[in-house]
Amino acid sequence: MNISLRPELEQFVQEKVQGGTYASPSEVIEDALLRLREQEEGDEISGDELNRLLAEGEADLAGGNVVDAEEVFAELRRRSAEKRGRVG
Protein backbone atom coordinates (compact mmCIF):
# COMPACT_ATOMS: atom_id res chain seq x y z
CA MET A 1 0.00 0.00 0.00
CA ASN A 2 1.29 3.43 -0.87
CA ILE A 3 -0.03 6.61 0.72
CA SER A 4 0.51 10.28 0.04
CA LEU A 5 0.77 12.83 2.81
CA ARG A 6 0.73 16.59 2.80
CA PRO A 7 4.26 17.94 3.24
CA GLU A 8 3.69 19.07 6.83
CA LEU A 9 2.41 15.63 7.83
CA GLU A 10 5.29 13.92 6.06
CA GLN A 11 7.67 16.17 8.00
CA PHE A 12 5.89 15.27 11.25
CA VAL A 13 6.31 11.56 10.52
CA GLN A 14 10.00 12.05 9.73
CA GLU A 15 10.51 13.98 12.97
CA LYS A 16 9.00 11.11 14.96
CA VAL A 17 11.35 8.63 13.30
CA GLN A 18 14.41 10.88 13.59
CA GLY A 19 13.59 11.60 17.23
CA GLY A 20 13.63 7.90 17.98
CA THR A 21 10.00 7.64 18.98
CA TYR A 22 9.38 5.22 16.11
CA ALA A 23 11.69 3.00 14.09
CA SER A 24 10.03 3.68 10.73
CA PRO A 25 7.39 5.79 9.01
CA SER A 26 5.20 2.69 8.85
CA GLU A 27 5.22 2.45 12.65
CA VAL A 28 4.11 6.08 12.95
CA ILE A 29 1.19 5.55 10.57
CA GLU A 30 0.23 2.23 12.16
CA ASP A 31 0.16 3.81 15.63
CA ALA A 32 -1.91 6.73 14.34
CA LEU A 33 -4.43 4.36 12.76
CA LEU A 34 -4.67 2.24 15.90
CA ARG A 35 -5.33 5.36 17.98
CA LEU A 36 -7.98 6.49 15.51
CA ARG A 37 -9.69 3.10 15.72
CA GLU A 38 -9.61 3.19 19.54
CA GLN A 39 -11.05 6.70 19.54
CA GLU A 40 -13.86 5.74 17.18
CA GLU A 41 -14.67 2.59 19.13
CA GLY A 42 -14.66 4.55 22.39
CA ASP A 43 -17.17 7.02 21.00
CA GLU A 44 -19.73 4.32 20.34
CA ILE A 45 -22.23 3.23 22.94
CA SER A 46 -24.35 0.12 22.72
CA GLY A 47 -28.14 0.27 22.78
CA ASP A 48 -28.16 -1.69 26.03
CA GLU A 49 -25.74 0.74 27.66
CA LEU A 50 -27.74 3.73 26.45
CA ASN A 51 -30.94 2.21 27.84
CA ARG A 52 -29.23 1.53 31.17
CA LEU A 53 -27.99 5.12 31.39
CA LEU A 54 -31.40 6.52 30.49
CA ALA A 55 -33.08 4.35 33.14
CA GLU A 56 -30.51 5.49 35.68
CA GLY A 57 -31.18 9.12 34.82
CA GLU A 58 -34.94 8.66 35.01
CA ALA A 59 -34.59 7.01 38.42
CA ASP A 60 -32.44 9.90 39.65
CA LEU A 61 -34.98 12.40 38.37
CA ALA A 62 -37.89 10.55 39.97
CA GLY A 63 -35.99 10.39 43.25
CA GLY A 64 -35.23 14.10 43.22
CA ASN A 65 -31.51 13.46 42.76
CA VAL A 66 -30.93 16.37 40.39
CA VAL A 67 -28.61 19.36 40.15
CA ASP A 68 -29.56 22.79 38.88
CA ALA A 69 -28.19 23.40 35.38
CA GLU A 70 -26.66 26.74 36.40
CA GLU A 71 -24.67 24.95 39.12
CA VAL A 72 -23.40 22.44 36.56
CA PHE A 73 -22.34 25.14 34.11
CA ALA A 74 -20.66 27.16 36.87
CA GLU A 75 -18.68 24.08 37.91
CA LEU A 76 -17.68 23.37 34.30
CA ARG A 77 -16.51 26.98 33.87
CA ARG A 78 -14.52 26.73 37.12
CA ARG A 79 -12.84 23.48 36.04
CA SER A 80 -12.07 24.86 32.60
CA ALA A 81 -10.48 27.97 34.08
CA GLU A 82 -8.52 25.82 36.51
CA LYS A 83 -7.11 23.72 33.68
CA ARG A 84 -6.07 26.86 31.85
CA GLY A 85 -4.40 28.16 35.01
CA ARG A 86 -6.83 31.01 35.59
CA VAL A 87 -8.34 30.20 38.95
CA GLY A 88 -10.15 33.23 40.38
PDB file of N, CA and C in Angstrom:
ATOM      1  N   MET A   1       0.850  -1.167   0.000  1.00  0.00           N
ATOM      2  CA  MET A   1       0.000   0.000   0.000  1.00  0.00           C
ATOM      3  C   MET A   1       0.900   1.236   0.000  1.00  0.00           C
ATOM      4  N   ASN A   2       0.580   2.161  -0.830  1.00  0.00           N
ATOM      5  CA  ASN A   2       1.285   3.432  -0.871  1.00  0.00           C
ATOM      6  C   ASN A   2       0.319   4.526  -0.464  1.00  0.00           C
ATOM      7  N   ILE A   3       0.804   5.483   0.324  1.00  0.00           N
ATOM      8  CA  ILE A   3      -0.034   6.609   0.721  1.00  0.00           C
ATOM      9  C   ILE A   3       0.700   7.898   0.430  1.00  0.00           C
ATOM     10  N   SER A   4      -0.063   8.952   0.246  1.00  0.00           N
ATOM     11  CA  SER A   4       0.514  10.278   0.044  1.00  0.00           C
ATOM     12  C   SER A   4       0.102  11.155   1.213  1.00  0.00           C
ATOM     13  N   LEU A   5       1.037  11.916   1.706  1.00  0.00           N
ATOM     14  CA  LEU A   5       0.772  12.833   2.814  1.00  0.00           C
ATOM     15  C   LEU A   5       1.072  14.256   2.390  1.00  0.00           C
ATOM     16  N   ARG A   6       0.376  15.180   3.004  1.00  0.00           N
ATOM     17  CA  ARG A   6       0.730  16.587   2.798  1.00  0.00           C
ATOM     18  C   ARG A   6       2.132  16.787   3.351  1.00  0.00           C
ATOM     19  N   PRO A   7       2.874  17.741   2.807  1.00  0.00           N
ATOM     20  CA  PRO A   7       4.260  17.938   3.240  1.00  0.00           C
ATOM     21  C   PRO A   7       4.435  18.115   4.748  1.00  0.00           C
ATOM     22  N   GLU A   8       3.535  18.844   5.386  1.00  0.00           N
ATOM     23  CA  GLU A   8       3.692  19.073   6.830  1.00  0.00           C
ATOM     24  C   GLU A   8       3.477  17.783   7.623  1.00  0.00           C
ATOM     25  N   LEU A   9       2.601  16.906   7.151  1.00  0.00           N
ATOM     26  CA  LEU A   9       2.410  15.630   7.827  1.00  0.00           C
ATOM     27  C   LEU A   9       3.582  14.689   7.571  1.00  0.00           C
ATOM     28  N   GLU A  10       4.108  14.732   6.365  1.00  0.00           N
ATOM     29  CA  GLU A  10       5.289  13.921   6.065  1.00  0.00           C
ATOM     30  C   GLU A  10       6.458  14.353   6.944  1.00  0.00           C
ATOM     31  N   GLN A  11       6.614  15.651   7.137  1.00  0.00           N
ATOM     32  CA  GLN A  11       7.673  16.173   8.003  1.00  0.00           C
ATOM     33  C   GLN A  11       7.458  15.709   9.439  1.00  0.00           C
ATOM     34  N   PHE A  12       6.217  15.719   9.898  1.00  0.00           N
ATOM     35  CA  PHE A  12       5.887  15.268  11.246  1.00  0.00           C
ATOM     36  C   PHE A  12       6.284  13.810  11.430  1.00  0.00           C
ATOM     37  N   VAL A  13       5.955  12.985  10.458  1.00  0.00           N
ATOM     38  CA  VAL A  13       6.308  11.563  10.521  1.00  0.00           C
ATOM     39  C   VAL A  13       7.825  11.413  10.579  1.00  0.00           C
ATOM     40  N   GLN A  14       8.538  12.137   9.742  1.00  0.00           N
ATOM     41  CA  GLN A  14      10.001  12.049   9.728  1.00  0.00           C
ATOM     42  C   GLN A  14      10.592  12.490  11.066  1.00  0.00           C
ATOM     43  N   GLU A  15      10.020  13.521  11.663  1.00  0.00           N
ATOM     44  CA  GLU A  15      10.510  13.980  12.967  1.00  0.00           C
ATOM     45  C   GLU A  15      10.338  12.904  14.034  1.00  0.00           C
ATOM     46  N   LYS A  16       9.234  12.181  13.994  1.00  0.00           N
ATOM     47  CA  LYS A  16       9.000  11.108  14.963  1.00  0.00           C
ATOM     48  C   LYS A  16      10.020   9.986  14.800  1.00  0.00           C
ATOM     49  N   VAL A  17      10.357   9.680  13.558  1.00  0.00           N
ATOM     50  CA  VAL A  17      11.355   8.633  13.298  1.00  0.00           C
ATOM     51  C   VAL A  17      12.738   9.130  13.698  1.00  0.00           C
ATOM     52  N   GLN A  18      13.100  10.331  13.277  1.00  0.00           N
ATOM     53  CA  GLN A  18      14.414  10.883  13.591  1.00  0.00           C
ATOM     54  C   GLN A  18      14.605  11.090  15.085  1.00  0.00           C
ATOM     55  N   GLY A  19      13.520  11.398  15.783  1.00  0.00           N
ATOM     56  CA  GLY A  19      13.595  11.605  17.227  1.00  0.00           C
ATOM     57  C   GLY A  19      13.678  10.310  18.009  1.00  0.00           C
ATOM     58  N   GLY A  20      13.505   9.188  17.326  1.00  0.00           N
ATOM     59  CA  GLY A  20      13.630   7.902  17.980  1.00  0.00           C
ATOM     60  C   GLY A  20      12.344   7.365  18.602  1.00  0.00           C
ATOM     61  N   THR A  21      11.268   8.103  18.434  1.00  0.00           N
ATOM     62  CA  THR A  21      10.003   7.639  18.984  1.00  0.00           C
ATOM     63  C   THR A  21       9.515   6.390  18.253  1.00  0.00           C
ATOM     64  N   TYR A  22       9.771   6.349  16.951  1.00  0.00           N
ATOM     65  CA  TYR A  22       9.377   5.220  16.113  1.00  0.00           C
ATOM     66  C   TYR A  22      10.568   4.797  15.266  1.00  0.00           C
ATOM     67  N   ALA A  23      10.574   3.528  14.882  1.00  0.00           N
ATOM     68  CA  ALA A  23      11.685   2.998  14.087  1.00  0.00           C
ATOM     69  C   ALA A  23      11.514   3.255  12.605  1.00  0.00           C
ATOM     70  N   SER A  24      10.275   3.490  12.158  1.00  0.00           N
ATOM     71  CA  SER A  24      10.033   3.682  10.726  1.00  0.00           C
ATOM     72  C   SER A  24       8.770   4.502  10.518  1.00  0.00           C
ATOM     73  N   PRO A  25       8.635   5.084   9.329  1.00  0.00           N
ATOM     74  CA  PRO A  25       7.394   5.792   9.015  1.00  0.00           C
ATOM     75  C   PRO A  25       6.163   4.882   9.123  1.00  0.00           C
ATOM     76  N   SER A  26       6.321   3.627   8.763  1.00  0.00           N
ATOM     77  CA  SER A  26       5.197   2.685   8.850  1.00  0.00           C
ATOM     78  C   SER A  26       4.704   2.555  10.287  1.00  0.00           C
ATOM     79  N   GLU A  27       5.621   2.547  11.252  1.00  0.00           N
ATOM     80  CA  GLU A  27       5.218   2.452  12.655  1.00  0.00           C
ATOM     81  C   GLU A  27       4.430   3.687  13.093  1.00  0.00           C
ATOM     82  N   VAL A  28       4.820   4.852  12.599  1.00  0.00           N
ATOM     83  CA  VAL A  28       4.106   6.076  12.948  1.00  0.00           C
ATOM     84  C   VAL A  28       2.670   6.002  12.436  1.00  0.00           C
ATOM     85  N   ILE A  29       2.514   5.627  11.177  1.00  0.00           N
ATOM     86  CA  ILE A  29       1.190   5.551  10.569  1.00  0.00           C
ATOM     87  C   ILE A  29       0.356   4.466  11.233  1.00  0.00           C
ATOM     88  N   GLU A  30       0.960   3.315  11.520  1.00  0.00           N
ATOM     89  CA  GLU A  30       0.228   2.232  12.163  1.00  0.00           C
ATOM     90  C   GLU A  30      -0.285   2.674  13.533  1.00  0.00           C
ATOM     91  N   ASP A  31       0.564   3.336  14.317  1.00  0.00           N
ATOM     92  CA  ASP A  31       0.158   3.808  15.628  1.00  0.00           C
ATOM     93  C   ASP A  31      -0.981   4.825  15.506  1.00  0.00           C
ATOM     94  N   ALA A  32      -0.865   5.724  14.541  1.00  0.00           N
ATOM     95  CA  ALA A  32      -1.913   6.727  14.342  1.00  0.00           C
ATOM     96  C   ALA A  32      -3.240   6.067  13.992  1.00  0.00           C
ATOM     97  N   LEU A  33      -3.201   5.051  13.143  1.00  0.00           N
ATOM     98  CA  LEU A  33      -4.430   4.362  12.760  1.00  0.00           C
ATOM     99  C   LEU A  33      -5.023   3.575  13.919  1.00  0.00           C
ATOM    100  N   LEU A  34      -4.174   2.960  14.726  1.00  0.00           N
ATOM    101  CA  LEU A  34      -4.667   2.241  15.903  1.00  0.00           C
ATOM    102  C   LEU A  34      -5.334   3.191  16.884  1.00  0.00           C
ATOM    103  N   ARG A  35      -4.734   4.362  17.077  1.00  0.00           N
ATOM    104  CA  ARG A  35      -5.327   5.356  17.979  1.00  0.00           C
ATOM    105  C   ARG A  35      -6.653   5.869  17.430  1.00  0.00           C
ATOM    106  N   LEU A  36      -6.737   6.057  16.117  1.00  0.00           N
ATOM    107  CA  LEU A  36      -7.980   6.486  15.506  1.00  0.00           C
ATOM    108  C   LEU A  36      -9.072   5.440  15.710  1.00  0.00           C
ATOM    109  N   ARG A  37      -8.717   4.169  15.521  1.00  0.00           N
ATOM    110  CA  ARG A  37      -9.688   3.095  15.719  1.00  0.00           C
ATOM    111  C   ARG A  37     -10.162   3.058  17.173  1.00  0.00           C
ATOM    112  N   GLU A  38      -9.237   3.186  18.120  1.00  0.00           N
ATOM    113  CA  GLU A  38      -9.606   3.195  19.541  1.00  0.00           C
ATOM    114  C   GLU A  38     -10.530   4.361  19.860  1.00  0.00           C
ATOM    115  N   GLN A  39     -10.229   5.511  19.295  1.00  0.00           N
ATOM    116  CA  GLN A  39     -11.050   6.696  19.538  1.00  0.00           C
ATOM    117  C   GLN A  39     -12.457   6.482  18.988  1.00  0.00           C
ATOM    118  N   GLU A  40     -12.549   5.964  17.786  1.00  0.00           N
ATOM    119  CA  GLU A  40     -13.863   5.740  17.184  1.00  0.00           C
ATOM    120  C   GLU A  40     -14.651   4.679  17.949  1.00  0.00           C
ATOM    121  N   GLU A  41     -13.990   3.634  18.371  1.00  0.00           N
ATOM    122  CA  GLU A  41     -14.673   2.590  19.125  1.00  0.00           C
ATOM    123  C   GLU A  41     -15.103   3.101  20.489  1.00  0.00           C
ATOM    124  N   GLY A  42     -14.317   3.981  21.079  1.00  0.00           N
ATOM    125  CA  GLY A  42     -14.656   4.546  22.385  1.00  0.00           C
ATOM    126  C   GLY A  42     -15.827   5.499  22.324  1.00  0.00           C
ATOM    127  N   ASP A  43     -16.067   6.074  21.154  1.00  0.00           N
ATOM    128  CA  ASP A  43     -17.168   7.020  21.002  1.00  0.00           C
ATOM    129  C   ASP A  43     -18.514   6.326  20.843  1.00  0.00           C
ATOM    130  N   GLU A  44     -18.490   5.051  20.559  1.00  0.00           N
ATOM    131  CA  GLU A  44     -19.730   4.323  20.339  1.00  0.00           C
ATOM    132  C   GLU A  44     -20.274   3.806  21.664  1.00  0.00           C
ATOM    133  N   ILE A  45     -21.584   3.765  21.745  1.00  0.00           N
ATOM    134  CA  ILE A  45     -22.232   3.232  22.938  1.00  0.00           C
ATOM    135  C   ILE A  45     -23.299   2.258  22.459  1.00  0.00           C
ATOM    136  N   SER A  46     -23.388   1.140  23.124  1.00  0.00           N
ATOM    137  CA  SER A  46     -24.355   0.125  22.718  1.00  0.00           C
ATOM    138  C   SER A  46     -25.766   0.555  23.114  1.00  0.00           C
ATOM    139  N   GLY A  47     -26.748  -0.022  22.453  1.00  0.00           N
ATOM    140  CA  GLY A  47     -28.140   0.268  22.783  1.00  0.00           C
ATOM    141  C   GLY A  47     -28.461  -0.117  24.211  1.00  0.00           C
ATOM    142  N   ASP A  48     -27.920  -1.246  24.660  1.00  0.00           N
ATOM    143  CA  ASP A  48     -28.156  -1.685  26.032  1.00  0.00           C
ATOM    144  C   ASP A  48     -27.576  -0.696  27.039  1.00  0.00           C
ATOM    145  N   GLU A  49     -26.373  -0.222  26.747  1.00  0.00           N
ATOM    146  CA  GLU A  49     -25.737   0.737  27.658  1.00  0.00           C
ATOM    147  C   GLU A  49     -26.504   2.050  27.679  1.00  0.00           C
ATOM    148  N   LEU A  50     -26.954   2.494  26.521  1.00  0.00           N
ATOM    149  CA  LEU A  50     -27.742   3.726  26.454  1.00  0.00           C
ATOM    150  C   LEU A  50     -29.038   3.574  27.249  1.00  0.00           C
ATOM    151  N   ASN A  51     -29.708   2.445  27.082  1.00  0.00           N
ATOM    152  CA  ASN A  51     -30.944   2.206  27.841  1.00  0.00           C
ATOM    153  C   ASN A  51     -30.682   2.178  29.338  1.00  0.00           C
ATOM    154  N   ARG A  52     -29.575   1.576  29.746  1.00  0.00           N
ATOM    155  CA  ARG A  52     -29.226   1.528  31.166  1.00  0.00           C
ATOM    156  C   ARG A  52     -28.999   2.932  31.704  1.00  0.00           C
ATOM    157  N   LEU A  53     -28.265   3.757  30.952  1.00  0.00           N
ATOM    158  CA  LEU A  53     -27.988   5.122  31.393  1.00  0.00           C
ATOM    159  C   LEU A  53     -29.253   5.959  31.451  1.00  0.00           C
ATOM    160  N   LEU A  54     -30.140   5.781  30.479  1.00  0.00           N
ATOM    161  CA  LEU A  54     -31.403   6.516  30.489  1.00  0.00           C
ATOM    162  C   LEU A  54     -32.248   6.127  31.703  1.00  0.00           C
ATOM    163  N   ALA A  55     -32.316   4.821  31.981  1.00  0.00           N
ATOM    164  CA  ALA A  55     -33.081   4.351  33.139  1.00  0.00           C
ATOM    165  C   ALA A  55     -32.489   4.905  34.432  1.00  0.00           C
ATOM    166  N   GLU A  56     -31.176   4.943  34.499  1.00  0.00           N
ATOM    167  CA  GLU A  56     -30.510   5.487  35.685  1.00  0.00           C
ATOM    168  C   GLU A  56     -30.860   6.967  35.861  1.00  0.00           C
ATOM    169  N   GLY A  57     -30.837   7.701  34.766  1.00  0.00           N
ATOM    170  CA  GLY A  57     -31.181   9.120  34.823  1.00  0.00           C
ATOM    171  C   GLY A  57     -32.628   9.355  35.213  1.00  0.00           C
ATOM    172  N   GLU A  58     -33.529   8.533  34.662  1.00  0.00           N
ATOM    173  CA  GLU A  58     -34.940   8.656  35.012  1.00  0.00           C
ATOM    174  C   GLU A  58     -35.164   8.348  36.485  1.00  0.00           C
ATOM    175  N   ALA A  59     -34.467   7.356  37.006  1.00  0.00           N
ATOM    176  CA  ALA A  59     -34.595   7.014  38.423  1.00  0.00           C
ATOM    177  C   ALA A  59     -34.074   8.155  39.299  1.00  0.00           C
ATOM    178  N   ASP A  60     -32.966   8.753  38.904  1.00  0.00           N
ATOM    179  CA  ASP A  60     -32.440   9.899  39.649  1.00  0.00           C
ATOM    180  C   ASP A  60     -33.442  11.050  39.643  1.00  0.00           C
ATOM    181  N   LEU A  61     -34.012  11.313  38.489  1.00  0.00           N
ATOM    182  CA  LEU A  61     -34.981  12.399  38.368  1.00  0.00           C
ATOM    183  C   LEU A  61     -36.206  12.130  39.234  1.00  0.00           C
ATOM    184  N   ALA A  62     -36.715  10.911  39.167  1.00  0.00           N
ATOM    185  CA  ALA A  62     -37.894  10.550  39.968  1.00  0.00           C
ATOM    186  C   ALA A  62     -37.598  10.634  41.468  1.00  0.00           C
ATOM    187  N   GLY A  63     -36.372  10.342  41.846  1.00  0.00           N
ATOM    188  CA  GLY A  63     -35.987  10.388  43.252  1.00  0.00           C
ATOM    189  C   GLY A  63     -35.556  11.763  43.729  1.00  0.00           C
ATOM    190  N   GLY A  64     -35.618  12.746  42.843  1.00  0.00           N
ATOM    191  CA  GLY A  64     -35.226  14.098  43.218  1.00  0.00           C
ATOM    192  C   GLY A  64     -33.726  14.307  43.279  1.00  0.00           C
ATOM    193  N   ASN A  65     -32.974  13.360  42.763  1.00  0.00           N
ATOM    194  CA  ASN A  65     -31.510  13.456  42.760  1.00  0.00           C
ATOM    195  C   ASN A  65     -31.069  14.215  41.508  1.00  0.00           C
ATOM    196  N   VAL A  66     -31.240  15.525  41.541  1.00  0.00           N
ATOM    197  CA  VAL A  66     -30.926  16.374  40.392  1.00  0.00           C
ATOM    198  C   VAL A  66     -30.072  17.552  40.842  1.00  0.00           C
ATOM    199  N   VAL A  67     -29.431  18.177  39.882  1.00  0.00           N
ATOM    200  CA  VAL A  67     -28.606  19.356  40.147  1.00  0.00           C
ATOM    201  C   VAL A  67     -29.064  20.453  39.190  1.00  0.00           C
ATOM    202  N   ASP A  68     -29.168  21.654  39.695  1.00  0.00           N
ATOM    203  CA  ASP A  68     -29.559  22.790  38.883  1.00  0.00           C
ATOM    204  C   ASP A  68     -28.553  23.004  37.749  1.00  0.00           C
ATOM    205  N   ALA A  69     -29.050  23.242  36.557  1.00  0.00           N
ATOM    206  CA  ALA A  69     -28.190  23.404  35.380  1.00  0.00           C
ATOM    207  C   ALA A  69     -27.180  24.533  35.567  1.00  0.00           C
ATOM    208  N   GLU A  70     -27.589  25.624  36.184  1.00  0.00           N
ATOM    209  CA  GLU A  70     -26.661  26.739  36.395  1.00  0.00           C
ATOM    210  C   GLU A  70     -25.486  26.317  37.277  1.00  0.00           C
ATOM    211  N   GLU A  71     -25.748  25.457  38.264  1.00  0.00           N
ATOM    212  CA  GLU A  71     -24.666  24.950  39.118  1.00  0.00           C
ATOM    213  C   GLU A  71     -23.702  24.099  38.298  1.00  0.00           C
ATOM    214  N   VAL A  72     -24.242  23.283  37.404  1.00  0.00           N
ATOM    215  CA  VAL A  72     -23.405  22.435  36.557  1.00  0.00           C
ATOM    216  C   VAL A  72     -22.525  23.297  35.669  1.00  0.00           C
ATOM    217  N   PHE A  73     -23.114  24.285  35.003  1.00  0.00           N
ATOM    218  CA  PHE A  73     -22.338  25.139  34.113  1.00  0.00           C
ATOM    219  C   PHE A  73     -21.292  25.950  34.870  1.00  0.00           C
ATOM    220  N   ALA A  74     -21.628  26.412  36.054  1.00  0.00           N
ATOM    221  CA  ALA A  74     -20.664  27.159  36.871  1.00  0.00           C
ATOM    222  C   ALA A  74     -19.475  26.268  37.227  1.00  0.00           C
ATOM    223  N   GLU A  75     -19.759  25.015  37.575  1.00  0.00           N
ATOM    224  CA  GLU A  75     -18.682  24.076  37.909  1.00  0.00           C
ATOM    225  C   GLU A  75     -17.821  23.782  36.678  1.00  0.00           C
ATOM    226  N   LEU A  76     -18.447  23.614  35.525  1.00  0.00           N
ATOM    227  CA  LEU A  76     -17.678  23.371  34.300  1.00  0.00           C
ATOM    228  C   LEU A  76     -16.789  24.566  33.955  1.00  0.00           C
ATOM    229  N   ARG A  77     -17.329  25.779  34.129  1.00  0.00           N
ATOM    230  CA  ARG A  77     -16.513  26.981  33.872  1.00  0.00           C
ATOM    231  C   ARG A  77     -15.329  27.041  34.835  1.00  0.00           C
ATOM    232  N   ARG A  78     -15.587  26.707  36.114  1.00  0.00           N
ATOM    233  CA  ARG A  78     -14.519  26.730  37.119  1.00  0.00           C
ATOM    234  C   ARG A  78     -13.427  25.727  36.752  1.00  0.00           C
ATOM    235  N   ARG A  79     -13.825  24.510  36.391  1.00  0.00           N
ATOM    236  CA  ARG A  79     -12.841  23.483  36.039  1.00  0.00           C
ATOM    237  C   ARG A  79     -12.057  23.859  34.793  1.00  0.00           C
ATOM    238  N   SER A  80     -12.742  24.438  33.828  1.00  0.00           N
ATOM    239  CA  SER A  80     -12.072  24.865  32.602  1.00  0.00           C
ATOM    240  C   SER A  80     -11.031  25.940  32.904  1.00  0.00           C
ATOM    241  N   ALA A  81     -11.414  26.908  33.703  1.00  0.00           N
ATOM    242  CA  ALA A  81     -10.475  27.975  34.080  1.00  0.00           C
ATOM    243  C   ALA A  81      -9.301  27.415  34.860  1.00  0.00           C
ATOM    244  N   GLU A  82      -9.573  26.445  35.716  1.00  0.00           N
ATOM    245  CA  GLU A  82      -8.517  25.821  36.511  1.00  0.00           C
ATOM    246  C   GLU A  82      -7.507  25.109  35.605  1.00  0.00           C
ATOM    247  N   LYS A  83      -8.001  24.416  34.604  1.00  0.00           N
ATOM    248  CA  LYS A  83      -7.112  23.717  33.681  1.00  0.00           C
ATOM    249  C   LYS A  83      -6.264  24.681  32.869  1.00  0.00           C
ATOM    250  N   ARG A  84      -6.827  25.855  32.609  1.00  0.00           N
ATOM    251  CA  ARG A  84      -6.072  26.863  31.850  1.00  0.00           C
ATOM    252  C   ARG A  84      -5.187  27.704  32.761  1.00  0.00           C
ATOM    253  N   GLY A  85      -5.256  27.445  34.077  1.00  0.00           N
ATOM    254  CA  GLY A  85      -4.403  28.161  35.007  1.00  0.00           C
ATOM    255  C   GLY A  85      -4.934  29.520  35.402  1.00  0.00           C
ATOM    256  N   ARG A  86      -6.228  29.714  35.248  1.00  0.00           N
ATOM    257  CA  ARG A  86      -6.826  31.006  35.585  1.00  0.00           C
ATOM    258  C   ARG A  86      -7.855  30.845  36.695  1.00  0.00           C
ATOM    259  N   VAL A  87      -7.421  30.375  37.825  1.00  0.00           N
ATOM    260  CA  VAL A  87      -8.337  30.203  38.949  1.00  0.00           C
ATOM    261  C   VAL A  87      -8.556  31.549  39.603  1.00  0.00           C
ATOM    262  N   GLY A  88      -9.817  31.920  39.838  1.00  0.00           N
ATOM    263  CA  GLY A  88     -10.152  33.227  40.382  1.00  0.00           C
ATOM    264  C   GLY A  88     -10.327  33.187  41.787  1.00  0.00           C
TER     265      GLY A  88
END
